[in-house]
C-alpha atoms as a PDB file:
ATOM      1  CA  MET A   1     -10.747  15.830  27.851  1.00  0.00           C
ATOM      2  CA  ILE A   2     -11.992  18.867  26.000  1.00  0.00           C
ATOM      3  CA  CYS A   3      -9.810  19.952  23.058  1.00  0.00           C
ATOM      4  CA  THR A   4      -8.216  23.381  23.311  1.00  0.00           C
ATOM      5  CA  THR A   5      -6.383  23.391  19.951  1.00  0.00           C
ATOM      6  CA  VAL A   6      -8.076  23.187  16.519  1.00  0.00           C
ATOM      7  CA  ARG A   7     -11.278  21.382  17.628  1.00  0.00           C
ATOM      8  CA  ASN A   8     -11.890  23.768  20.493  1.00  0.00           C
ATOM      9  CA  GLY A   9     -14.707  22.552  22.756  1.00  0.00           C
ATOM     10  CA  ASP A  10     -14.955  18.987  21.373  1.00  0.00           C
ATOM     11  CA  GLU A  11     -14.156  15.836  23.333  1.00  0.00           C
ATOM     12  CA  CYS A  12     -10.736  14.443  22.368  1.00  0.00           C
ATOM     13  CA  VAL A  13      -8.846  11.354  23.568  1.00  0.00           C
ATOM     14  CA  PHE A  14      -5.460  12.913  22.739  1.00  0.00           C
ATOM     15  CA  MET A  15      -5.909  15.957  24.989  1.00  0.00           C
ATOM     16  CA  SER A  16      -4.159  16.059  28.342  1.00  0.00           C
ATOM     17  CA  ASN A  17      -3.450  18.716  30.948  1.00  0.00           C
ATOM     18  CA  SER A  18      -0.187  19.544  29.171  1.00  0.00           C
ATOM     19  CA  GLY A  19      -1.817  19.886  25.718  1.00  0.00           C
ATOM     20  CA  CYS A  20      -2.444  17.702  22.690  1.00  0.00           C
ATOM     21  CA  LYS A  21      -0.480  14.436  22.732  1.00  0.00           C
ATOM     22  CA  TYR A  22      -1.084  13.625  19.036  1.00  0.00           C
ATOM     23  CA  ASN A  23       1.863  13.724  16.630  1.00  0.00           C
ATOM     24  CA  GLY A  24       2.307  17.386  15.681  1.00  0.00           C
ATOM     25  CA  GLY A  25       0.190  18.662  18.543  1.00  0.00           C
ATOM     26  CA  GLU A  26      -3.104  19.019  16.656  1.00  0.00           C
ATOM     27  CA  CYS A  27      -5.668  17.127  14.575  1.00  0.00           C
ATOM     28  CA  LYS A  28      -5.465  17.260  10.789  1.00  0.00           C
ATOM     29  CA  PRO A  29      -8.415  18.405   8.621  1.00  0.00           C
ATOM     30  CA  ILE A  30     -10.405  15.858   6.620  1.00  0.00           C
ATOM     31  CA  VAL A  31      -9.439  14.774   3.109  1.00  0.00           C
ATOM     32  CA  GLU A  32     -11.690  14.868   0.034  1.00  0.00           C
ATOM     33  CA  LYS A  33     -12.629  11.191   0.393  1.00  0.00           C
ATOM     34  CA  CYS A  34     -14.163  11.913   3.808  1.00  0.00           C
ATOM     35  CA  GLU A  35     -16.903  14.171   2.395  1.00  0.00           C
ATOM     36  CA  GLY A  36     -20.317  12.721   3.231  1.00  0.00           C
ATOM     37  CA  CYS A  37     -19.244  10.875   6.369  1.00  0.00           C
ATOM     38  CA  GLN A  38     -21.371  11.288   9.494  1.00  0.00           C
ATOM     39  CA  ARG A  39     -18.292  11.581  11.724  1.00  0.00           C
ATOM     40  CA  ILE A  40     -17.327  15.013  10.353  1.00  0.00           C
ATOM     41  CA  VAL A  41     -17.490  17.990  12.697  1.00  0.00           C
ATOM     42  CA  GLU A  42     -17.255  21.498  11.298  1.00  0.00           C
ATOM     43  CA  ASN A  43     -15.994  24.410  13.361  1.00  0.00           C
ATOM     44  CA  ALA A  44     -14.286  27.753  12.787  1.00  0.00           C
ATOM     45  CA  ASN A  45     -10.938  26.101  11.936  1.00  0.00           C
ATOM     46  CA  GLY A  46     -12.382  23.756   9.273  1.00  0.00           C
ATOM     47  CA  LYS A  47     -13.793  20.231   9.056  1.00  0.00           C
ATOM     48  CA  PHE A  48     -12.402  17.491  11.281  1.00  0.00           C
ATOM     49  CA  CYS A  49     -13.082  13.794  11.902  1.00  0.00           C
ATOM     50  CA  THR A  50     -14.345  12.901  15.373  1.00  0.00           C
ATOM     51  CA  ALA A  51     -12.877   9.385  15.188  1.00  0.00           C
ATOM     52  CA  ALA A  52      -9.443   9.865  13.600  1.00  0.00           C
ATOM     53  CA  PRO A  53      -6.963  12.681  14.256  1.00  0.00           C
ATOM     54  CA  ASP A  54      -5.349  12.258  10.798  1.00  0.00           C
ATOM     55  CA  PRO A  55      -7.942  11.013   8.262  1.00  0.00           C
ATOM     56  CA  SER A  56      -5.442  10.791   5.397  1.00  0.00           C
ATOM     57  CA  ILE A  57      -3.752   7.856   7.140  1.00  0.00           C
ATOM     58  CA  LYS A  58      -7.077   5.983   7.360  1.00  0.00           C
ATOM     59  CA  TRP A  59      -7.552   6.276   3.570  1.00  0.00           C
ATOM     60  CA  LYS A  60      -3.951   5.323   2.766  1.00  0.00           C
ATOM     61  CA  ASN A  61      -4.595   1.604   2.161  1.00  0.00           C
ATOM     62  CA  GLY A  62      -8.093   1.801   0.660  1.00  0.00           C
ATOM     63  CA  ILE A  63     -11.427   2.535   2.298  1.00  0.00           C
ATOM     64  CA  CYS A  64     -11.396   4.020   5.791  1.00  0.00           C
ATOM     65  CA  ASN A  65     -12.719   1.464   8.283  1.00  0.00           C
ATOM     66  CA  LEU A  66     -14.586   4.213  10.144  1.00  0.00           C
ATOM     67  CA  ALA A  67     -16.306   5.757   7.095  1.00  0.00           C
ATOM     68  CA  THR A  68     -20.086   5.754   7.322  1.00  0.00           C
ATOM     69  CA  HIS A  69     -20.633   6.697   3.673  1.00  0.00           C
ATOM     70  CA  ALA A  70     -18.348   4.153   1.951  1.00  0.00           C
ATOM     71  CA  LYS A  71     -19.380   0.556   1.483  1.00  0.00           C
ATOM     72  CA  VAL A  72     -17.088  -2.373   0.755  1.00  0.00           C
ATOM     73  CA  VAL A  73     -18.116  -4.056  -2.490  1.00  0.00           C
ATOM     74  CA  VAL A  74     -17.639  -7.805  -2.477  1.00  0.00           C
ATOM     75  CA  GLU A  75     -17.516  -9.423  -5.891  1.00  0.00           C
ATOM     76  CA  VAL A  76     -19.129 -12.833  -6.174  1.00  0.00           C
ATOM     77  CA  LYS A  77     -17.575 -14.814  -8.962  1.00  0.00           C
ATOM     78  CA  LYS A  78     -19.922 -17.308 -10.551  1.00  0.00           C
ATOM     79  CA  GLN A  79     -18.252 -20.664 -11.080  1.00  0.00           C
ATOM     80  CA  LYS A  80     -18.628 -22.598 -14.255  1.00  0.00           C
ATOM     81  CA  LEU A  81     -20.175 -26.000 -13.693  1.00  0.00           C
ATOM     82  CA  ASN A  82     -19.298 -29.023 -15.711  1.00  0.00           C
ATOM     83  CA  PRO A  83     -22.655 -30.256 -17.089  1.00  0.00           C
ATOM     84  CA  ILE A  84     -21.656 -33.929 -16.819  1.00  0.00           C
ATOM     85  CA  LYS A  85     -20.735 -33.642 -13.136  1.00  0.00           C
ATOM     86  CA  ALA A  86     -23.835 -31.551 -12.425  1.00  0.00           C
ATOM     87  CA  SER A  87     -26.094 -34.242 -13.876  1.00  0.00           C
ATOM     88  CA  LYS A  88     -24.430 -36.867 -11.680  1.00  0.00           C
ATOM     89  CA  ARG A  89     -25.053 -34.796  -8.535  1.00  0.00           C
ATOM     90  CA  LYS A  90     -28.769 -34.830  -9.045  1.00  0.00           C
END
């Protein structure tokens, strides 16, 4: 349904005929870590995420899984090889 609270005019899954069903009755504005994401929508009431009604919860345990600007860095640890065993493998 179309939001009639803070994101007026945007499509929202939490909207119903009786109003916003999200905890607190409205979406929360984005947090600083969200800056640069492609899911941000700006309107007269501020900047809001189109995917998450409370972006601070998504960033609580690390990187937001919906963030388009943040990449997960995977460290590759180089193993030490024993030269004697490596020569036997050849």
